[in-house]
Amino acid sequence: LNGQETAQTISVRQFVNALQHFGLPV
């Protein structure tokens, strides 16, 4: 609520790291 990173933020960032192999802008 205050714009801080949460456990879900970290999880989504890890998910996005795995998307990098598609070679598309994310």
mmCIF file of all heavy atoms, coordinates in Angstrom:
data_MODEL
# 
_entry.id   MODEL 
# 
loop_
_atom_site.group_PDB 
_atom_site.id 
_atom_site.type_symbol 
_atom_site.label_atom_id 
_atom_site.label_alt_id 
_atom_site.label_comp_id 
_atom_site.label_asym_id 
_atom_site.label_entity_id 
_atom_site.label_seq_id 
_atom_site.pdbx_PDB_ins_code 
_atom_site.Cartn_x 
_atom_site.Cartn_y 
_atom_site.Cartn_z 
_atom_site.occupancy 
_atom_site.B_iso_or_equiv 
_atom_site.pdbx_formal_charge 
_atom_site.auth_seq_id 
_atom_site.auth_comp_id 
_atom_site.auth_asym_id 
_atom_site.auth_atom_id 
_atom_site.pdbx_PDB_model_num 
ATOM 1   N N   . LEU A 1 1  ? 0.804  -1.224  0.000   1.00 0.00 ? 1  LEU A N   1 
ATOM 2   C CA  . LEU A 1 1  ? 0.000  0.000   0.000   1.00 0.00 ? 1  LEU A CA  1 
ATOM 3   C C   . LEU A 1 1  ? 0.838  1.275   0.000   1.00 0.00 ? 1  LEU A C   1 
ATOM 4   O O   . LEU A 1 1  ? 0.399  2.316   -0.489  1.00 0.00 ? 1  LEU A O   1 
ATOM 5   C CB  . LEU A 1 1  ? -0.949 0.010   1.202   1.00 0.00 ? 1  LEU A CB  1 
ATOM 6   C CG  . LEU A 1 1  ? -2.042 -1.056  1.178   1.00 0.00 ? 1  LEU A CG  1 
ATOM 7   C CD1 . LEU A 1 1  ? -2.855 -1.008  2.456   1.00 0.00 ? 1  LEU A CD1 1 
ATOM 8   C CD2 . LEU A 1 1  ? -2.938 -0.877  -0.037  1.00 0.00 ? 1  LEU A CD2 1 
ATOM 9   N N   . ASN A 1 2  ? 2.058  1.203   0.530   1.00 0.00 ? 2  ASN A N   1 
ATOM 10  C CA  . ASN A 1 2  ? 2.943  2.368   0.545   1.00 0.00 ? 2  ASN A CA  1 
ATOM 11  C C   . ASN A 1 2  ? 3.976  2.311   -0.573  1.00 0.00 ? 2  ASN A C   1 
ATOM 12  O O   . ASN A 1 2  ? 4.980  3.024   -0.522  1.00 0.00 ? 2  ASN A O   1 
ATOM 13  C CB  . ASN A 1 2  ? 3.634  2.485   1.909   1.00 0.00 ? 2  ASN A CB  1 
ATOM 14  C CG  . ASN A 1 2  ? 2.638  2.747   3.018   1.00 0.00 ? 2  ASN A CG  1 
ATOM 15  O OD1 . ASN A 1 2  ? 1.681  3.494   2.834   1.00 0.00 ? 2  ASN A OD1 1 
ATOM 16  N ND2 . ASN A 1 2  ? 2.848  2.121   4.167   1.00 0.00 ? 2  ASN A ND2 1 
ATOM 17  N N   . GLY A 1 3  ? 3.756  1.446   -1.549  1.00 0.00 ? 3  GLY A N   1 
ATOM 18  C CA  . GLY A 1 3  ? 4.671  1.336   -2.682  1.00 0.00 ? 3  GLY A CA  1 
ATOM 19  C C   . GLY A 1 3  ? 5.878  0.452   -2.434  1.00 0.00 ? 3  GLY A C   1 
ATOM 20  O O   . GLY A 1 3  ? 6.761  0.362   -3.286  1.00 0.00 ? 3  GLY A O   1 
ATOM 21  N N   . GLN A 1 4  ? 5.917  -0.219  -1.294  1.00 0.00 ? 4  GLN A N   1 
ATOM 22  C CA  . GLN A 1 4  ? 7.070  -1.045  -0.960  1.00 0.00 ? 4  GLN A CA  1 
ATOM 23  C C   . GLN A 1 4  ? 6.993  -2.403  -1.659  1.00 0.00 ? 4  GLN A C   1 
ATOM 24  O O   . GLN A 1 4  ? 5.937  -2.856  -2.037  1.00 0.00 ? 4  GLN A O   1 
ATOM 25  C CB  . GLN A 1 4  ? 7.177  -1.217  0.565   1.00 0.00 ? 4  GLN A CB  1 
ATOM 26  C CG  . GLN A 1 4  ? 6.201  -2.205  1.171   1.00 0.00 ? 4  GLN A CG  1 
ATOM 27  C CD  . GLN A 1 4  ? 4.813  -1.642  1.474   1.00 0.00 ? 4  GLN A CD  1 
ATOM 28  O OE1 . GLN A 1 4  ? 4.422  -0.604  0.966   1.00 0.00 ? 4  GLN A OE1 1 
ATOM 29  N NE2 . GLN A 1 4  ? 4.061  -2.373  2.276   1.00 0.00 ? 4  GLN A NE2 1 
ATOM 30  N N   . GLU A 1 5  ? 8.168  -3.003  -1.810  1.00 0.00 ? 5  GLU A N   1 
ATOM 31  C CA  . GLU A 1 5  ? 8.254  -4.352  -2.369  1.00 0.00 ? 5  GLU A CA  1 
ATOM 32  C C   . GLU A 1 5  ? 7.702  -5.341  -1.348  1.00 0.00 ? 5  GLU A C   1 
ATOM 33  O O   . GLU A 1 5  ? 7.895  -5.183  -0.145  1.00 0.00 ? 5  GLU A O   1 
ATOM 34  C CB  . GLU A 1 5  ? 9.706  -4.691  -2.712  1.00 0.00 ? 5  GLU A CB  1 
ATOM 35  C CG  . GLU A 1 5  ? 10.325 -3.743  -3.727  1.00 0.00 ? 5  GLU A CG  1 
ATOM 36  C CD  . GLU A 1 5  ? 10.541 -4.367  -5.084  1.00 0.00 ? 5  GLU A CD  1 
ATOM 37  O OE1 . GLU A 1 5  ? 10.741 -5.587  -5.167  1.00 0.00 ? 5  GLU A OE1 1 
ATOM 38  O OE2 . GLU A 1 5  ? 10.511 -3.613  -6.070  1.00 0.00 ? 5  GLU A OE2 1 
ATOM 39  N N   . THR A 1 6  ? 7.005  -6.356  -1.845  1.00 0.00 ? 6  THR A N   1 
ATOM 40  C CA  . THR A 1 6  ? 6.431  -7.398  -0.996  1.00 0.00 ? 6  THR A CA  1 
ATOM 41  C C   . THR A 1 6  ? 6.937  -8.754  -1.470  1.00 0.00 ? 6  THR A C   1 
ATOM 42  O O   . THR A 1 6  ? 7.652  -8.846  -2.484  1.00 0.00 ? 6  THR A O   1 
ATOM 43  C CB  . THR A 1 6  ? 4.894  -7.378  -1.080  1.00 0.00 ? 6  THR A CB  1 
ATOM 44  O OG1 . THR A 1 6  ? 4.515  -7.732  -2.427  1.00 0.00 ? 6  THR A OG1 1 
ATOM 45  C CG2 . THR A 1 6  ? 4.321  -6.010  -0.718  1.00 0.00 ? 6  THR A CG2 1 
ATOM 46  N N   . ALA A 1 7  ? 6.537  -9.791  -0.786  1.00 0.00 ? 7  ALA A N   1 
ATOM 47  C CA  . ALA A 1 7  ? 6.884  -11.151 -1.217  1.00 0.00 ? 7  ALA A CA  1 
ATOM 48  C C   . ALA A 1 7  ? 6.343  -11.420 -2.621  1.00 0.00 ? 7  ALA A C   1 
ATOM 49  O O   . ALA A 1 7  ? 7.014  -12.043 -3.453  1.00 0.00 ? 7  ALA A O   1 
ATOM 50  C CB  . ALA A 1 7  ? 6.355  -12.181 -0.223  1.00 0.00 ? 7  ALA A CB  1 
ATOM 51  N N   . GLN A 1 8  ? 5.147  -10.914 -2.914  1.00 0.00 ? 8  GLN A N   1 
ATOM 52  C CA  . GLN A 1 8  ? 4.564  -11.102 -4.250  1.00 0.00 ? 8  GLN A CA  1 
ATOM 53  C C   . GLN A 1 8  ? 5.344  -10.312 -5.302  1.00 0.00 ? 8  GLN A C   1 
ATOM 54  O O   . GLN A 1 8  ? 5.510  -10.772 -6.429  1.00 0.00 ? 8  GLN A O   1 
ATOM 55  C CB  . GLN A 1 8  ? 3.084  -10.713 -4.263  1.00 0.00 ? 8  GLN A CB  1 
ATOM 56  C CG  . GLN A 1 8  ? 2.381  -10.995 -5.573  1.00 0.00 ? 8  GLN A CG  1 
ATOM 57  C CD  . GLN A 1 8  ? 2.352  -12.469 -5.979  1.00 0.00 ? 8  GLN A CD  1 
ATOM 58  O OE1 . GLN A 1 8  ? 2.530  -13.364 -5.167  1.00 0.00 ? 8  GLN A OE1 1 
ATOM 59  N NE2 . GLN A 1 8  ? 2.138  -12.721 -7.247  1.00 0.00 ? 8  GLN A NE2 1 
ATOM 60  N N   . THR A 1 9  ? 5.860  -9.134  -4.946  1.00 0.00 ? 9  THR A N   1 
ATOM 61  C CA  . THR A 1 9  ? 6.688  -8.354  -5.878  1.00 0.00 ? 9  THR A CA  1 
ATOM 62  C C   . THR A 1 9  ? 7.920  -9.156  -6.269  1.00 0.00 ? 9  THR A C   1 
ATOM 63  O O   . THR A 1 9  ? 8.265  -9.248  -7.454  1.00 0.00 ? 9  THR A O   1 
ATOM 64  C CB  . THR A 1 9  ? 7.132  -7.020  -5.231  1.00 0.00 ? 9  THR A CB  1 
ATOM 65  O OG1 . THR A 1 9  ? 6.013  -6.353  -4.674  1.00 0.00 ? 9  THR A OG1 1 
ATOM 66  C CG2 . THR A 1 9  ? 7.810  -6.118  -6.254  1.00 0.00 ? 9  THR A CG2 1 
ATOM 67  N N   . ILE A 1 10 ? 8.561  -9.737  -5.277  1.00 0.00 ? 10 ILE A N   1 
ATOM 68  C CA  . ILE A 1 10 ? 9.763  -10.545 -5.522  1.00 0.00 ? 10 ILE A CA  1 
ATOM 69  C C   . ILE A 1 10 ? 9.428  -11.749 -6.387  1.00 0.00 ? 10 ILE A C   1 
ATOM 70  O O   . ILE A 1 10 ? 10.153 -12.070 -7.336  1.00 0.00 ? 10 ILE A O   1 
ATOM 71  C CB  . ILE A 1 10 ? 10.401 -10.964 -4.185  1.00 0.00 ? 10 ILE A CB  1 
ATOM 72  C CG1 . ILE A 1 10 ? 10.931 -9.720  -3.463  1.00 0.00 ? 10 ILE A CG1 1 
ATOM 73  C CG2 . ILE A 1 10 ? 11.510 -11.994 -4.396  1.00 0.00 ? 10 ILE A CG2 1 
ATOM 74  C CD1 . ILE A 1 10 ? 11.258 -9.939  -2.000  1.00 0.00 ? 10 ILE A CD1 1 
ATOM 75  N N   . SER A 1 11 ? 8.308  -12.395 -6.111  1.00 0.00 ? 11 SER A N   1 
ATOM 76  C CA  . SER A 1 11 ? 7.880  -13.554 -6.901  1.00 0.00 ? 11 SER A CA  1 
ATOM 77  C C   . SER A 1 11 ? 7.646  -13.165 -8.362  1.00 0.00 ? 11 SER A C   1 
ATOM 78  O O   . SER A 1 11 ? 8.052  -13.885 -9.281  1.00 0.00 ? 11 SER A O   1 
ATOM 79  C CB  . SER A 1 11 ? 6.612  -14.145 -6.285  1.00 0.00 ? 11 SER A CB  1 
ATOM 80  O OG  . SER A 1 11 ? 6.141  -15.208 -7.054  1.00 0.00 ? 11 SER A OG  1 
ATOM 81  N N   . VAL A 1 12 ? 6.994  -12.026 -8.584  1.00 0.00 ? 12 VAL A N   1 
ATOM 82  C CA  . VAL A 1 12 ? 6.734  -11.567 -9.957  1.00 0.00 ? 12 VAL A CA  1 
ATOM 83  C C   . VAL A 1 12 ? 8.044  -11.224 -10.660 1.00 0.00 ? 12 VAL A C   1 
ATOM 84  O O   . VAL A 1 12 ? 8.232  -11.546 -11.835 1.00 0.00 ? 12 VAL A O   1 
ATOM 85  C CB  . VAL A 1 12 ? 5.749  -10.383 -9.969  1.00 0.00 ? 12 VAL A CB  1 
ATOM 86  C CG1 . VAL A 1 12 ? 5.701  -9.716  -11.337 1.00 0.00 ? 12 VAL A CG1 1 
ATOM 87  C CG2 . VAL A 1 12 ? 4.363  -10.852 -9.551  1.00 0.00 ? 12 VAL A CG2 1 
ATOM 88  N N   . ARG A 1 13 ? 8.971  -10.591 -9.963  1.00 0.00 ? 13 ARG A N   1 
ATOM 89  C CA  . ARG A 1 13 ? 10.278 -10.279 -10.576 1.00 0.00 ? 13 ARG A CA  1 
ATOM 90  C C   . ARG A 1 13 ? 11.010 -11.561 -10.981 1.00 0.00 ? 13 ARG A C   1 
ATOM 91  O O   . ARG A 1 13 ? 11.644 -11.612 -12.037 1.00 0.00 ? 13 ARG A O   1 
ATOM 92  C CB  . ARG A 1 13 ? 11.131 -9.441  -9.632  1.00 0.00 ? 13 ARG A CB  1 
ATOM 93  C CG  . ARG A 1 13 ? 10.644 -8.003  -9.489  1.00 0.00 ? 13 ARG A CG  1 
ATOM 94  C CD  . ARG A 1 13 ? 11.635 -7.161  -8.691  1.00 0.00 ? 13 ARG A CD  1 
ATOM 95  N NE  . ARG A 1 13 ? 11.132 -5.850  -8.400  1.00 0.00 ? 13 ARG A NE  1 
ATOM 96  C CZ  . ARG A 1 13 ? 11.112 -4.821  -9.243  1.00 0.00 ? 13 ARG A CZ  1 
ATOM 97  N NH1 . ARG A 1 13 ? 11.562 -4.984  -10.476 1.00 0.00 ? 13 ARG A NH1 1 
ATOM 98  N NH2 . ARG A 1 13 ? 10.647 -3.645  -8.878  1.00 0.00 ? 13 ARG A NH2 1 
ATOM 99  N N   . GLN A 1 14 ? 10.930 -12.609 -10.170 1.00 0.00 ? 14 GLN A N   1 
ATOM 100 C CA  . GLN A 1 14 ? 11.545 -13.894 -10.514 1.00 0.00 ? 14 GLN A CA  1 
ATOM 101 C C   . GLN A 1 14 ? 10.864 -14.501 -11.742 1.00 0.00 ? 14 GLN A C   1 
ATOM 102 O O   . GLN A 1 14 ? 11.531 -15.045 -12.630 1.00 0.00 ? 14 GLN A O   1 
ATOM 103 C CB  . GLN A 1 14 ? 11.478 -14.853 -9.327  1.00 0.00 ? 14 GLN A CB  1 
ATOM 104 C CG  . GLN A 1 14 ? 12.370 -14.446 -8.182  1.00 0.00 ? 14 GLN A CG  1 
ATOM 105 C CD  . GLN A 1 14 ? 12.143 -15.253 -6.915  1.00 0.00 ? 14 GLN A CD  1 
ATOM 106 O OE1 . GLN A 1 14 ? 11.117 -15.933 -6.754  1.00 0.00 ? 14 GLN A OE1 1 
ATOM 107 N NE2 . GLN A 1 14 ? 13.084 -15.183 -6.001  1.00 0.00 ? 14 GLN A NE2 1 
ATOM 108 N N   . PHE A 1 15 ? 9.549  -14.389 -11.799 1.00 0.00 ? 15 PHE A N   1 
ATOM 109 C CA  . PHE A 1 15 ? 8.793  -14.881 -12.947 1.00 0.00 ? 15 PHE A CA  1 
ATOM 110 C C   . PHE A 1 15 ? 9.249  -14.156 -14.217 1.00 0.00 ? 15 PHE A C   1 
ATOM 111 O O   . PHE A 1 15 ? 9.476  -14.768 -15.254 1.00 0.00 ? 15 PHE A O   1 
ATOM 112 C CB  . PHE A 1 15 ? 7.293  -14.667 -12.704 1.00 0.00 ? 15 PHE A CB  1 
ATOM 113 C CG  . PHE A 1 15 ? 6.420  -15.159 -13.812 1.00 0.00 ? 15 PHE A CG  1 
ATOM 114 C CD1 . PHE A 1 15 ? 6.047  -16.484 -13.896 1.00 0.00 ? 15 PHE A CD1 1 
ATOM 115 C CD2 . PHE A 1 15 ? 5.951  -14.275 -14.784 1.00 0.00 ? 15 PHE A CD2 1 
ATOM 116 C CE1 . PHE A 1 15 ? 5.236  -16.940 -14.930 1.00 0.00 ? 15 PHE A CE1 1 
ATOM 117 C CE2 . PHE A 1 15 ? 5.149  -14.717 -15.811 1.00 0.00 ? 15 PHE A CE2 1 
ATOM 118 C CZ  . PHE A 1 15 ? 4.788  -16.052 -15.893 1.00 0.00 ? 15 PHE A CZ  1 
ATOM 119 N N   . VAL A 1 16 ? 9.407  -12.835 -14.124 1.00 0.00 ? 16 VAL A N   1 
ATOM 120 C CA  . VAL A 1 16 ? 9.831  -12.034 -15.276 1.00 0.00 ? 16 VAL A CA  1 
ATOM 121 C C   . VAL A 1 16 ? 11.248 -12.414 -15.709 1.00 0.00 ? 16 VAL A C   1 
ATOM 122 O O   . VAL A 1 16 ? 11.531 -12.467 -16.912 1.00 0.00 ? 16 VAL A O   1 
ATOM 123 C CB  . VAL A 1 16 ? 9.715  -10.524 -14.971 1.00 0.00 ? 16 VAL A CB  1 
ATOM 124 C CG1 . VAL A 1 16 ? 10.449 -9.691  -16.006 1.00 0.00 ? 16 VAL A CG1 1 
ATOM 125 C CG2 . VAL A 1 16 ? 8.246  -10.126 -14.913 1.00 0.00 ? 16 VAL A CG2 1 
ATOM 126 N N   . ASN A 1 17 ? 12.127 -12.710 -14.775 1.00 0.00 ? 17 ASN A N   1 
ATOM 127 C CA  . ASN A 1 17 ? 13.472 -13.153 -15.152 1.00 0.00 ? 17 ASN A CA  1 
ATOM 128 C C   . ASN A 1 17 ? 13.404 -14.384 -16.044 1.00 0.00 ? 17 ASN A C   1 
ATOM 129 O O   . ASN A 1 17 ? 14.164 -14.507 -16.999 1.00 0.00 ? 17 ASN A O   1 
ATOM 130 C CB  . ASN A 1 17 ? 14.314 -13.433 -13.909 1.00 0.00 ? 17 ASN A CB  1 
ATOM 131 C CG  . ASN A 1 17 ? 14.784 -12.166 -13.241 1.00 0.00 ? 17 ASN A CG  1 
ATOM 132 O OD1 . ASN A 1 17 ? 14.829 -11.097 -13.854 1.00 0.00 ? 17 ASN A OD1 1 
ATOM 133 N ND2 . ASN A 1 17 ? 15.123 -12.270 -11.967 1.00 0.00 ? 17 ASN A ND2 1 
ATOM 134 N N   . ALA A 1 18 ? 12.484 -15.290 -15.750 1.00 0.00 ? 18 ALA A N   1 
ATOM 135 C CA  . ALA A 1 18 ? 12.335 -16.498 -16.566 1.00 0.00 ? 18 ALA A CA  1 
ATOM 136 C C   . ALA A 1 18 ? 11.741 -16.182 -17.933 1.00 0.00 ? 18 ALA A C   1 
ATOM 137 O O   . ALA A 1 18 ? 11.929 -16.935 -18.888 1.00 0.00 ? 18 ALA A O   1 
ATOM 138 C CB  . ALA A 1 18 ? 11.479 -17.526 -15.837 1.00 0.00 ? 18 ALA A CB  1 
ATOM 139 N N   . LEU A 1 19 ? 11.020 -15.067 -18.061 1.00 0.00 ? 19 LEU A N   1 
ATOM 140 C CA  . LEU A 1 19 ? 10.435 -14.687 -19.355 1.00 0.00 ? 19 LEU A CA  1 
ATOM 141 C C   . LEU A 1 19 ? 11.492 -14.164 -20.339 1.00 0.00 ? 19 LEU A C   1 
ATOM 142 O O   . LEU A 1 19 ? 11.236 -14.094 -21.533 1.00 0.00 ? 19 LEU A O   1 
ATOM 143 C CB  . LEU A 1 19 ? 9.378  -13.588 -19.165 1.00 0.00 ? 19 LEU A CB  1 
ATOM 144 C CG  . LEU A 1 19 ? 8.122  -13.939 -18.392 1.00 0.00 ? 19 LEU A CG  1 
ATOM 145 C CD1 . LEU A 1 19 ? 7.235  -12.702 -18.261 1.00 0.00 ? 19 LEU A CD1 1 
ATOM 146 C CD2 . LEU A 1 19 ? 7.365  -15.070 -19.064 1.00 0.00 ? 19 LEU A CD2 1 
ATOM 147 N N   . GLN A 1 20 ? 12.648 -13.788 -19.837 1.00 0.00 ? 20 GLN A N   1 
ATOM 148 C CA  . GLN A 1 20 ? 13.687 -13.201 -20.688 1.00 0.00 ? 20 GLN A CA  1 
ATOM 149 C C   . GLN A 1 20 ? 14.107 -14.121 -21.832 1.00 0.00 ? 20 GLN A C   1 
ATOM 150 O O   . GLN A 1 20 ? 14.511 -13.640 -22.891 1.00 0.00 ? 20 GLN A O   1 
ATOM 151 C CB  . GLN A 1 20 ? 14.911 -12.802 -19.849 1.00 0.00 ? 20 GLN A CB  1 
ATOM 152 C CG  . GLN A 1 20 ? 14.627 -11.770 -18.781 1.00 0.00 ? 20 GLN A CG  1 
ATOM 153 C CD  . GLN A 1 20 ? 14.073 -10.462 -19.322 1.00 0.00 ? 20 GLN A CD  1 
ATOM 154 O OE1 . GLN A 1 20 ? 14.486 -9.983  -20.377 1.00 0.00 ? 20 GLN A OE1 1 
ATOM 155 N NE2 . GLN A 1 20 ? 13.124 -9.891  -18.607 1.00 0.00 ? 20 GLN A NE2 1 
ATOM 156 N N   . HIS A 1 21 ? 13.967 -15.435 -21.657 1.00 0.00 ? 21 HIS A N   1 
ATOM 157 C CA  . HIS A 1 21 ? 14.391 -16.361 -22.716 1.00 0.00 ? 21 HIS A CA  1 
ATOM 158 C C   . HIS A 1 21 ? 13.515 -16.267 -23.970 1.00 0.00 ? 21 HIS A C   1 
ATOM 159 O O   . HIS A 1 21 ? 13.883 -16.775 -25.016 1.00 0.00 ? 21 HIS A O   1 
ATOM 160 C CB  . HIS A 1 21 ? 14.481 -17.802 -22.189 1.00 0.00 ? 21 HIS A CB  1 
ATOM 161 C CG  . HIS A 1 21 ? 13.184 -18.524 -22.123 1.00 0.00 ? 21 HIS A CG  1 
ATOM 162 N ND1 . HIS A 1 21 ? 12.323 -18.422 -21.062 1.00 0.00 ? 21 HIS A ND1 1 
ATOM 163 C CD2 . HIS A 1 21 ? 12.593 -19.369 -23.012 1.00 0.00 ? 21 HIS A CD2 1 
ATOM 164 C CE1 . HIS A 1 21 ? 11.269 -19.175 -21.287 1.00 0.00 ? 21 HIS A CE1 1 
ATOM 165 N NE2 . HIS A 1 21 ? 11.392 -19.752 -22.459 1.00 0.00 ? 21 HIS A NE2 1 
ATOM 166 N N   . PHE A 1 22 ? 12.355 -15.594 -23.871 1.00 0.00 ? 22 PHE A N   1 
ATOM 167 C CA  . PHE A 1 22 ? 11.526 -15.408 -25.061 1.00 0.00 ? 22 PHE A CA  1 
ATOM 168 C C   . PHE A 1 22 ? 12.121 -14.369 -26.000 1.00 0.00 ? 22 PHE A C   1 
ATOM 169 O O   . PHE A 1 22 ? 11.723 -14.273 -27.160 1.00 0.00 ? 22 PHE A O   1 
ATOM 170 C CB  . PHE A 1 22 ? 10.094 -14.997 -24.680 1.00 0.00 ? 22 PHE A CB  1 
ATOM 171 C CG  . PHE A 1 22 ? 9.308  -16.073 -23.988 1.00 0.00 ? 22 PHE A CG  1 
ATOM 172 C CD1 . PHE A 1 22 ? 8.619  -15.788 -22.817 1.00 0.00 ? 22 PHE A CD1 1 
ATOM 173 C CD2 . PHE A 1 22 ? 9.244  -17.362 -24.491 1.00 0.00 ? 22 PHE A CD2 1 
ATOM 174 C CE1 . PHE A 1 22 ? 7.886  -16.770 -22.167 1.00 0.00 ? 22 PHE A CE1 1 
ATOM 175 C CE2 . PHE A 1 22 ? 8.511  -18.351 -23.846 1.00 0.00 ? 22 PHE A CE2 1 
ATOM 176 C CZ  . PHE A 1 22 ? 7.835  -18.056 -22.678 1.00 0.00 ? 22 PHE A CZ  1 
ATOM 177 N N   . GLY A 1 23 ? 13.052 -13.548 -25.503 1.00 0.00 ? 23 GLY A N   1 
ATOM 178 C CA  . GLY A 1 23 ? 13.703 -12.548 -26.338 1.00 0.00 ? 23 GLY A CA  1 
ATOM 179 C C   . GLY A 1 23 ? 12.827 -11.359 -26.692 1.00 0.00 ? 23 GLY A C   1 
ATOM 180 O O   . GLY A 1 23 ? 13.088 -10.671 -27.672 1.00 0.00 ? 23 GLY A O   1 
ATOM 181 N N   . LEU A 1 24 ? 11.778 -11.119 -25.912 1.00 0.00 ? 24 LEU A N   1 
ATOM 182 C CA  . LEU A 1 24 ? 10.877 -9.990  -26.158 1.00 0.00 ? 24 LEU A CA  1 
ATOM 183 C C   . LEU A 1 24 ? 11.097 -8.910  -25.107 1.00 0.00 ? 24 LEU A C   1 
ATOM 184 O O   . LEU A 1 24 ? 11.483 -9.208  -23.974 1.00 0.00 ? 24 LEU A O   1 
ATOM 185 C CB  . LEU A 1 24 ? 9.416  -10.455 -26.062 1.00 0.00 ? 24 LEU A CB  1 
ATOM 186 C CG  . LEU A 1 24 ? 8.947  -11.472 -27.090 1.00 0.00 ? 24 LEU A CG  1 
ATOM 187 C CD1 . LEU A 1 24 ? 7.548  -11.965 -26.727 1.00 0.00 ? 24 LEU A CD1 1 
ATOM 188 C CD2 . LEU A 1 24 ? 8.957  -10.870 -28.478 1.00 0.00 ? 24 LEU A CD2 1 
ATOM 189 N N   . PRO A 1 25 ? 10.803 -7.660  -25.469 1.00 0.00 ? 25 PRO A N   1 
ATOM 190 C CA  . PRO A 1 25 ? 10.822 -6.628  -24.431 1.00 0.00 ? 25 PRO A CA  1 
ATOM 191 C C   . PRO A 1 25 ? 9.770  -6.950  -23.380 1.00 0.00 ? 25 PRO A C   1 
ATOM 192 O O   . PRO A 1 25 ? 8.663  -7.377  -23.712 1.00 0.00 ? 25 PRO A O   1 
ATOM 193 C CB  . PRO A 1 25 ? 10.446 -5.346  -25.179 1.00 0.00 ? 25 PRO A CB  1 
ATOM 194 C CG  . PRO A 1 25 ? 10.583 -5.652  -26.625 1.00 0.00 ? 25 PRO A CG  1 
ATOM 195 C CD  . PRO A 1 25 ? 10.447 -7.136  -26.783 1.00 0.00 ? 25 PRO A CD  1 
ATOM 196 N N   . VAL A 1 26 ? 10.130 -6.779  -22.118 1.00 0.00 ? 26 VAL A N   1 
ATOM 197 C CA  . VAL A 1 26 ? 9.211  -7.005  -21.011 1.00 0.00 ? 26 VAL A CA  1 
ATOM 198 C C   . VAL A 1 26 ? 9.124  -5.709  -20.222 1.00 0.00 ? 26 VAL A C   1 
ATOM 199 O O   . VAL A 1 26 ? 10.140 -5.157  -19.804 1.00 0.00 ? 26 VAL A O   1 
ATOM 200 C CB  . VAL A 1 26 ? 9.679  -8.152  -20.094 1.00 0.00 ? 26 VAL A CB  1 
ATOM 201 C CG1 . VAL A 1 26 ? 8.703  -8.355  -18.944 1.00 0.00 ? 26 VAL A CG1 1 
ATOM 202 C CG2 . VAL A 1 26 ? 9.849  -9.444  -20.882 1.00 0.00 ? 26 VAL A CG2 1 
# 
